[in-house]
Amino acid sequence: MISKIKILRIINSLDPKYGGPSIATIDSTKILNQNNFDVDIVTSDKKNSNFYKGRDIKIINLGPSIGKYSFNLKLFFWLLKNKHNYEKYIIHGLWQFNSLLARLILKKNYFVFTHGQLDPFFLFQKFKLLKKKIYWHLLEKKNLIKAESILLTSENEKKNLKKTFVDTKGIKQNVINYGILRSNLNKINSIKLFKKKFSILRNETFFIYLGRFHEKKGCDILIKSLKKVVDQNYKIKVLMAGPNNDYKKKLIKLSKKLKLENNIIWSSLILSELKCGAIASSEAMLLASNGENFGVSIVESLSFGKPVITTNKVNIYEEIIKYKSGLICNNNVKSFSEAIIQYINLKKALKRKMRLNAINCFNECFNLKYNQVKLISILKKNNK
C-alpha cells in the first residue's frame, strides 16, 4: 500500500467573510485527500471556531493572531514542534506572518498561493502601496524566492505579474487549475428556505451580488449602472449580500441618494443553504470588479447554471467569453449598464442556452472534481 503524502495548509482564517479562498481551500483539500494525500489545515482562527462543519478534514485553530500582520507566536512554536509530520506545505496569502514563518522554519518545502494580492489594482492605493513596497523589499520577496513556487490561479494572473507594483523577478511560478466543488445541498429545499427568508423576492426576477464590499469589487459602478438602467425604464431588482462594514454603509447611502431603495435588497453575509437558494433563484450574477484574481462567487454562480455579467478585470473572463456563459464589459458605468440591458433584452432561448453554457464552463474549467491534476502533479514532484 502506497503511503499518503502529508500536506499542511496554512491560512490565516477560514471565516467565509474574508472571501473565496476559504471555500476553495476546503474544496481543494477534499480532492487532495481523495488522491493519496493526507491534508491538514492550520489557521489563526480562535480555538473554538467552527467555520467548516465537516469532520473529514483535520483543522487546527491556533488563534487569535495579533494585528493586521497576523503575528502568532503559538503558530510559530507549533510549527517548530510539528513540521516533521509533513512533507509539503501550502501557504495561503501574502503580507502576513505566515509566509515569513515558512521561510524561517520550513526550508524550501513550501508553496505560496498569492490569492490576487499582487494585483495591479493596488497601484491606485497610494498609502497601502508604499507600505507594501517597503515590506516587499525587506521581507516578502525573500519569502517567495525561497518557496518551491508561487501558485497562480489563471494565466491572466501570471500576465498581471508583469504589470504589478513590485519586482517579481526570480520568483518561480506555477499556474494551476483552481475552483470549487459543486454544492451537494438540496436545491429545492434551499430555494424554499431562501424564499421564506427573502419573501420580498419570492415572485421576482432578480440579479445577485455576493461577496465582500470593497472598492476593488466595483460595487459603486454596479449601483450607478443600476441607476442608468432604471432611468431607461427597465425594471430590475438586485440582491446585494455580504459582510457589513463601513464601505457597505457608504454604498447604501449612495443607493438612497440615487433613489434605488426599491431596486436593491441589502443583506448581510448569507451562507450554506441560504446562499445556495439565493443563487439558484437568481437570474444572473453581477460583479463590476476593478480587479479580481479569480472570482469564486462567479464560479459558484456558473455551477448553478447562472450566467455572469462581469468585467475584463476578472482574470477568468476569457473562459466566460469562450463558453458564452455570460457577458463581459469594461469596469465603468457606461459599459456595465449596457451589459445589463443587453442581457435583459436577450431572447428567452438565448438565456436558456447561456445557462447551459454556464454549467459546461464550470464543469470543464472550474470543477475541482475534474481539474485538480496540475496541483496534484506539482505536490508529488520531487517528493522526499
Protein backbone atom coordinates (compact mmCIF):
# COMPACT_ATOMS: atom_id res chain seq x y z
CA MET A 1 0.00 0.00 0.00
CA ILE A 2 1.38 3.40 -1.04
CA SER A 3 1.70 5.76 1.92
CA LYS A 4 -0.13 9.05 1.68
CA ILE A 5 1.77 12.30 1.23
CA LYS A 6 1.31 14.53 4.27
CA ILE A 7 0.47 18.15 3.42
CA LEU A 8 -0.10 21.11 5.72
CA ARG A 9 -2.05 24.14 4.52
CA ILE A 10 -1.54 27.36 6.48
CA ILE A 11 -4.24 30.01 6.10
CA ASN A 12 -4.94 32.92 8.39
CA SER A 13 -8.68 32.25 8.59
CA LEU A 14 -11.40 30.01 7.20
CA ASP A 15 -14.05 32.61 8.02
CA PRO A 16 -16.13 32.97 4.81
CA LYS A 17 -16.49 36.71 5.41
CA TYR A 18 -12.93 37.07 4.04
CA GLY A 19 -13.99 35.80 0.63
CA GLY A 20 -13.44 32.89 -1.71
CA PRO A 21 -10.09 31.41 -0.54
CA SER A 22 -11.71 29.77 2.49
CA ILE A 23 -14.22 27.93 0.26
CA ALA A 24 -11.64 26.91 -2.34
CA THR A 25 -9.17 25.75 0.33
CA ILE A 26 -11.71 23.37 1.84
CA ASP A 27 -12.84 22.01 -1.54
CA SER A 28 -9.27 21.59 -2.81
CA THR A 29 -8.37 19.73 0.39
CA LYS A 30 -11.25 17.30 -0.11
CA ILE A 31 -10.00 16.41 -3.59
CA LEU A 32 -6.37 16.05 -2.47
CA ASN A 33 -7.47 13.70 0.30
CA GLN A 34 -9.14 11.54 -2.34
CA ASN A 35 -5.90 11.36 -4.33
CA ASN A 36 -3.39 9.81 -1.95
CA PHE A 37 -2.74 12.91 0.15
CA ASP A 38 -3.41 13.47 3.84
CA VAL A 39 -4.02 17.20 4.25
CA ASP A 40 -4.39 19.17 7.49
CA ILE A 41 -5.24 22.85 7.74
CA VAL A 42 -3.82 25.13 10.40
CA THR A 43 -5.35 28.60 10.98
CA SER A 44 -5.09 31.60 13.25
CA ASP A 45 -8.80 31.46 14.00
CA LYS A 46 -9.86 31.20 17.64
CA LYS A 47 -9.58 27.73 19.11
CA ASN A 48 -13.34 27.07 19.22
CA SER A 49 -14.00 28.39 15.69
CA ASN A 50 -16.03 26.02 13.53
CA PHE A 51 -16.36 27.62 10.10
CA TYR A 52 -16.23 24.22 8.41
CA LYS A 53 -18.75 21.80 9.89
CA GLY A 54 -17.48 18.61 8.26
CA ARG A 55 -15.39 16.01 10.09
CA ASP A 56 -13.43 14.76 7.09
CA ILE A 57 -10.69 17.40 7.37
CA LYS A 58 -8.41 17.98 10.36
CA ILE A 59 -8.41 21.70 11.16
CA ILE A 60 -6.12 23.10 13.85
CA ASN A 61 -7.04 26.58 15.12
CA LEU A 62 -4.15 28.36 16.83
CA GLY A 63 -5.54 31.88 17.14
CA PRO A 64 -6.26 34.54 17.62
CA SER A 65 -3.36 36.30 15.95
CA ILE A 66 -2.29 39.84 16.75
CA GLY A 67 -2.77 42.81 14.41
CA LYS A 68 -3.25 43.09 10.66
CA TYR A 69 0.05 41.31 10.09
CA SER A 70 -1.44 38.25 11.87
CA PHE A 71 1.51 37.78 14.24
CA ASN A 72 1.07 34.47 16.03
CA LEU A 73 3.69 33.05 18.38
CA LYS A 74 1.54 30.00 19.11
CA LEU A 75 1.69 29.11 15.39
CA PHE A 76 5.48 29.66 15.41
CA PHE A 77 6.09 27.19 18.23
CA TRP A 78 3.51 24.71 16.91
CA LEU A 79 5.31 24.62 13.55
CA LEU A 80 8.69 24.10 15.21
CA LYS A 81 7.26 21.12 17.08
CA ASN A 82 5.18 19.58 14.26
CA LYS A 83 6.88 20.45 10.97
CA HIS A 84 8.49 17.00 10.75
CA ASN A 85 4.99 15.48 10.43
CA TYR A 86 4.52 16.97 6.95
CA GLU A 87 6.30 16.64 3.62
CA LYS A 88 4.95 19.71 1.83
CA TYR A 89 3.31 22.95 2.90
CA ILE A 90 0.92 25.34 1.18
CA ILE A 91 0.81 28.93 2.47
CA HIS A 92 -2.26 30.99 1.62
CA GLY A 93 -1.85 34.74 1.15
CA LEU A 94 0.82 37.43 1.35
CA TRP A 95 1.66 40.38 3.60
CA GLN A 96 1.25 38.29 6.75
CA PHE A 97 3.33 36.45 9.31
CA ASN A 98 2.69 33.06 7.67
CA SER A 99 4.97 33.49 4.65
CA LEU A 100 7.84 34.71 6.84
CA LEU A 101 7.36 31.70 9.11
CA ALA A 102 7.58 29.44 6.08
CA ARG A 103 10.94 30.89 5.04
CA LEU A 104 12.38 30.72 8.56
CA ILE A 105 11.11 27.28 9.55
CA LEU A 106 10.02 25.21 6.55
CA LYS A 107 13.15 25.43 4.36
CA LYS A 108 12.14 25.14 0.68
CA ASN A 109 9.29 22.65 1.03
CA TYR A 110 6.51 25.23 0.71
CA PHE A 111 4.32 26.79 -1.96
CA VAL A 112 2.51 30.11 -1.69
CA PHE A 113 -0.93 30.94 -3.07
CA THR A 114 -0.83 34.69 -3.76
CA HIS A 115 -4.65 34.95 -3.98
CA GLY A 116 -4.52 38.09 -6.11
CA GLN A 117 -2.56 40.08 -3.56
CA LEU A 118 -0.11 41.24 -6.24
CA ASP A 119 -2.92 42.58 -8.42
CA PRO A 120 -2.07 45.79 -10.37
CA PHE A 121 -5.23 47.31 -8.82
CA PHE A 122 -3.20 48.14 -5.72
CA LEU A 123 -1.19 50.65 -7.76
CA PHE A 124 -4.06 53.06 -7.12
CA GLN A 125 -3.96 52.77 -3.32
CA LYS A 126 -1.03 55.09 -2.69
CA PHE A 127 -0.58 54.78 1.09
CA LYS A 128 -1.01 50.99 1.16
CA LEU A 129 1.24 50.78 -1.89
CA LEU A 130 4.13 52.45 -0.08
CA LYS A 131 3.81 50.10 2.90
CA LYS A 132 3.64 47.06 0.64
CA LYS A 133 6.71 48.11 -1.36
CA ILE A 134 8.78 48.60 1.79
CA TYR A 135 7.69 45.24 3.21
CA TRP A 136 8.30 43.57 -0.16
CA HIS A 137 11.93 44.73 -0.30
CA LEU A 138 12.62 43.91 3.34
CA LEU A 139 10.92 40.50 3.62
CA GLU A 140 8.20 39.32 1.28
CA LYS A 141 10.21 38.87 -1.91
CA LYS A 142 12.75 36.77 0.02
CA ASN A 143 9.88 34.67 1.38
CA LEU A 144 8.66 33.92 -2.13
CA ILE A 145 12.08 33.36 -3.71
CA LYS A 146 12.74 30.64 -1.10
CA ALA A 147 9.44 28.88 -1.91
CA GLU A 148 9.30 25.98 -4.36
CA SER A 149 6.99 28.28 -6.31
CA ILE A 150 4.07 30.62 -6.01
CA LEU A 151 0.74 29.16 -7.14
CA LEU A 152 -1.34 31.21 -9.56
CA THR A 153 -4.97 30.52 -10.41
CA SER A 154 -5.06 31.61 -14.07
CA GLU A 155 -2.86 32.60 -16.99
CA ASN A 156 -4.15 36.16 -16.64
CA GLU A 157 -2.92 36.31 -13.06
CA LYS A 158 0.51 35.34 -14.37
CA LYS A 159 0.35 38.06 -17.06
CA ASN A 160 -0.62 40.64 -14.44
CA LEU A 161 2.58 39.96 -12.50
CA LYS A 162 4.42 41.78 -15.29
CA LYS A 163 2.29 44.88 -14.61
CA THR A 164 2.23 44.74 -10.83
CA PHE A 165 3.68 47.18 -8.30
CA VAL A 166 6.74 45.13 -7.23
CA ASP A 167 9.61 43.31 -8.93
CA THR A 168 8.81 39.57 -9.11
CA LYS A 169 11.99 38.58 -10.97
CA GLY A 170 13.50 35.36 -9.64
CA ILE A 171 10.26 34.02 -8.14
CA LYS A 172 9.25 30.63 -9.52
CA GLN A 173 5.65 30.45 -10.76
CA ASN A 174 3.14 27.69 -11.42
CA VAL A 175 -0.35 28.17 -12.87
CA ILE A 176 -2.74 25.53 -11.54
CA ASN A 177 -6.37 24.72 -12.08
CA TYR A 178 -8.40 26.44 -9.39
CA GLY A 179 -12.04 26.35 -8.44
CA ILE A 180 -14.58 24.73 -6.16
CA LEU A 181 -16.77 21.66 -5.88
CA ARG A 182 -20.40 21.86 -6.91
CA SER A 183 -22.71 22.20 -3.90
CA ASN A 184 -24.35 18.95 -2.78
CA LEU A 185 -27.07 20.74 -0.80
CA ASN A 186 -30.69 20.02 -1.66
CA LYS A 187 -31.53 22.66 -4.25
CA ILE A 188 -35.33 22.56 -3.80
CA ASN A 189 -35.13 22.86 -0.02
CA SER A 190 -32.58 25.65 -0.33
CA ILE A 191 -34.86 27.63 -2.65
CA LYS A 192 -37.76 27.21 -0.22
CA LEU A 193 -35.59 28.45 2.64
CA PHE A 194 -34.42 31.44 0.61
CA LYS A 195 -37.94 32.45 -0.45
CA LYS A 196 -39.12 32.19 3.13
CA LYS A 197 -36.28 34.42 4.35
CA PHE A 198 -36.49 36.85 1.39
CA SER A 199 -40.23 36.85 0.77
CA ILE A 200 -39.88 40.23 -0.96
CA LEU A 201 -38.17 38.36 -3.83
CA ARG A 202 -40.49 35.35 -3.85
CA ASN A 203 -42.11 36.16 -7.21
CA GLU A 204 -39.45 38.48 -8.60
CA THR A 205 -36.83 38.12 -11.32
CA PHE A 206 -33.67 39.40 -9.67
CA PHE A 207 -29.91 39.62 -10.14
CA ILE A 208 -27.43 38.95 -7.36
CA TYR A 209 -24.14 40.25 -5.99
CA LEU A 210 -22.36 38.03 -3.46
CA GLY A 211 -19.07 38.90 -1.82
CA ARG A 212 -17.09 41.36 0.24
CA PHE A 213 -17.96 45.03 0.00
CA HIS A 214 -14.70 46.60 -1.10
CA GLU A 215 -13.59 49.27 -3.58
CA LYS A 216 -11.89 46.55 -5.61
CA LYS A 217 -15.23 44.85 -6.27
CA GLY A 218 -16.63 47.83 -8.19
CA CYS A 219 -19.82 47.95 -6.13
CA ASP A 220 -20.16 51.69 -6.76
CA ILE A 221 -20.02 51.01 -10.52
CA LEU A 222 -22.74 48.40 -10.09
CA ILE A 223 -25.04 50.78 -8.19
CA LYS A 224 -24.52 53.69 -10.60
CA SER A 225 -25.11 51.30 -13.51
CA LEU A 226 -28.44 50.25 -11.97
CA LYS A 227 -29.43 53.91 -11.89
CA LYS A 228 -28.79 54.20 -15.64
CA VAL A 229 -30.78 51.00 -16.27
CA VAL A 230 -33.72 52.23 -14.20
CA ASP A 231 -33.62 55.64 -15.87
CA GLN A 232 -34.12 53.88 -19.20
CA ASN A 233 -37.37 52.40 -17.84
CA TYR A 234 -36.13 48.87 -17.25
CA LYS A 235 -37.45 47.05 -14.21
CA ILE A 236 -34.65 45.45 -12.22
CA LYS A 237 -34.02 44.17 -8.72
CA VAL A 238 -30.67 43.16 -7.25
CA LEU A 239 -29.89 41.29 -4.05
CA MET A 240 -26.57 42.56 -2.66
CA ALA A 241 -25.32 40.25 0.09
CA GLY A 242 -22.08 40.35 2.02
CA PRO A 243 -20.48 41.17 5.39
CA ASN A 244 -21.30 44.52 6.96
CA ASN A 245 -18.56 47.15 7.02
CA ASP A 246 -18.06 50.91 6.63
CA TYR A 247 -17.79 50.71 2.84
CA LYS A 248 -21.12 48.91 2.68
CA LYS A 249 -22.67 51.79 4.65
CA LYS A 250 -21.34 54.22 2.04
CA LEU A 251 -22.86 52.09 -0.72
CA ILE A 252 -26.25 52.00 0.97
CA LYS A 253 -26.07 55.79 1.33
CA LEU A 254 -25.23 56.07 -2.38
CA SER A 255 -28.16 53.85 -3.35
CA LYS A 256 -30.54 56.03 -1.32
CA LYS A 257 -29.15 59.16 -2.92
CA LEU A 258 -29.84 57.63 -6.34
CA LYS A 259 -33.35 56.61 -5.17
CA LEU A 260 -32.77 52.90 -5.71
CA GLU A 261 -34.42 51.72 -2.48
CA ASN A 262 -36.97 49.70 -4.47
CA ASN A 263 -34.33 48.17 -6.73
CA ILE A 264 -31.68 46.95 -4.26
CA ILE A 265 -32.29 44.49 -1.44
CA TRP A 266 -29.42 44.58 1.03
CA SER A 267 -28.40 41.58 3.10
CA SER A 268 -25.65 40.57 5.47
CA LEU A 269 -23.47 37.57 4.62
CA ILE A 270 -25.51 34.55 3.51
CA LEU A 271 -24.11 31.03 3.70
CA SER A 272 -24.85 27.36 3.14
CA GLU A 273 -28.48 26.54 2.18
CA LEU A 274 -29.48 30.20 2.11
CA LYS A 275 -26.68 31.05 -0.33
CA CYS A 276 -27.47 28.01 -2.43
CA GLY A 277 -31.14 29.09 -2.58
CA ALA A 278 -30.22 32.68 -3.42
CA ILE A 279 -28.03 31.72 -6.38
CA ALA A 280 -30.45 29.07 -7.62
CA SER A 281 -33.34 31.56 -7.51
CA SER A 282 -31.47 34.40 -9.22
CA GLU A 283 -31.38 35.40 -12.87
CA ALA A 284 -27.63 36.12 -13.13
CA MET A 285 -24.61 37.23 -11.11
CA LEU A 286 -23.35 40.84 -11.26
CA LEU A 287 -19.72 41.73 -10.48
CA ALA A 288 -18.38 45.08 -11.75
CA SER A 289 -14.89 44.30 -10.49
CA ASN A 290 -11.90 46.63 -10.81
CA GLY A 291 -9.54 43.70 -10.33
CA GLU A 292 -10.42 40.12 -9.48
CA ASN A 293 -7.82 37.40 -9.09
CA PHE A 294 -10.31 34.61 -9.70
CA GLY A 295 -13.89 35.27 -8.59
CA VAL A 296 -15.21 32.37 -6.52
CA SER A 297 -18.70 33.90 -6.41
CA ILE A 298 -18.69 33.91 -10.23
CA VAL A 299 -17.71 30.25 -10.32
CA GLU A 300 -20.38 29.41 -7.73
CA SER A 301 -22.98 31.00 -9.99
CA LEU A 302 -21.74 29.10 -13.03
CA SER A 303 -22.02 25.86 -11.05
CA PHE A 304 -25.75 26.57 -10.64
CA GLY A 305 -26.16 27.31 -14.34
CA LYS A 306 -26.40 31.06 -13.78
CA PRO A 307 -24.83 33.43 -16.32
CA VAL A 308 -22.49 36.15 -15.09
CA ILE A 309 -22.18 39.80 -16.06
CA THR A 310 -18.70 40.95 -15.14
CA THR A 311 -15.67 42.88 -16.36
CA ASN A 312 -12.46 42.16 -18.23
CA LYS A 313 -10.62 42.90 -14.98
CA VAL A 314 -11.66 39.45 -13.72
CA ASN A 315 -8.87 37.01 -14.53
CA ILE A 316 -11.22 34.25 -15.74
CA TYR A 317 -13.18 36.46 -18.14
CA GLU A 318 -11.70 34.71 -21.20
CA GLU A 319 -13.26 31.40 -20.14
CA ILE A 320 -16.64 33.10 -19.79
CA ILE A 321 -16.30 34.50 -23.31
CA LYS A 322 -15.12 31.16 -24.71
CA TYR A 323 -18.10 29.27 -23.31
CA LYS A 324 -20.60 32.10 -23.91
CA SER A 325 -21.65 31.75 -20.30
CA GLY A 326 -22.09 35.45 -19.57
CA LEU A 327 -21.38 38.98 -20.75
CA ILE A 328 -18.04 40.75 -20.37
CA CYS A 329 -17.64 44.53 -20.34
CA ASN A 330 -15.31 47.28 -19.09
CA ASN A 331 -15.23 48.36 -15.45
CA ASN A 332 -17.14 51.62 -15.90
CA VAL A 333 -20.75 52.66 -15.55
CA LYS A 334 -21.49 53.09 -19.25
CA SER A 335 -20.17 49.68 -20.24
CA PHE A 336 -21.60 47.78 -17.26
CA SER A 337 -25.08 49.30 -17.58
CA GLU A 338 -25.10 48.46 -21.30
CA ALA A 339 -24.21 44.84 -20.48
CA ILE A 340 -27.10 44.58 -18.02
CA ILE A 341 -29.53 45.99 -20.59
CA GLN A 342 -28.12 43.67 -23.25
CA TYR A 343 -28.82 40.70 -21.00
CA ILE A 344 -32.33 41.85 -20.12
CA ASN A 345 -33.12 42.15 -23.84
CA LEU A 346 -31.86 38.68 -24.75
CA LYS A 347 -34.48 36.30 -26.08
CA LYS A 348 -35.55 33.50 -23.71
CA ALA A 349 -33.94 30.85 -25.91
CA LEU A 350 -30.56 32.63 -25.74
CA LYS A 351 -30.83 32.90 -21.96
CA ARG A 352 -31.56 29.18 -21.71
CA LYS A 353 -28.55 28.45 -23.88
CA MET A 354 -26.38 30.71 -21.73
CA ARG A 355 -27.49 28.83 -18.62
CA LEU A 356 -26.44 25.52 -20.17
CA ASN A 357 -23.14 27.09 -21.22
CA ALA A 358 -22.58 28.22 -17.63
CA ILE A 359 -22.75 24.64 -16.36
CA ASN A 360 -20.40 23.45 -19.11
CA CYS A 361 -17.96 26.26 -18.32
CA PHE A 362 -17.94 25.31 -14.65
CA ASN A 363 -17.50 21.59 -15.22
CA GLU A 364 -14.75 21.92 -17.81
CA CYS A 365 -12.79 24.79 -16.26
CA PHE A 366 -13.51 25.20 -12.55
CA ASN A 367 -14.92 21.98 -11.10
CA LEU A 368 -12.17 20.64 -8.84
CA LYS A 369 -13.63 17.17 -9.17
CA TYR A 370 -12.08 17.08 -12.65
CA ASN A 371 -9.47 19.85 -12.63
CA GLN A 372 -7.03 19.32 -9.75
CA VAL A 373 -4.48 17.39 -11.82
CA LYS A 374 -1.86 20.18 -12.04
CA LEU A 375 -1.72 20.80 -8.28
CA ILE A 376 -1.53 17.07 -7.57
CA SER A 377 1.36 16.75 -10.05
CA ILE A 378 3.25 19.69 -8.50
CA LEU A 379 2.88 18.35 -4.97
CA LYS A 380 4.06 14.86 -5.96
CA LYS A 381 7.06 16.13 -7.94
CA ASN A 382 10.35 15.65 -6.12
CA ASN A 383 8.51 14.44 -3.04
CA LYS A 384 11.00 13.46 -0.40
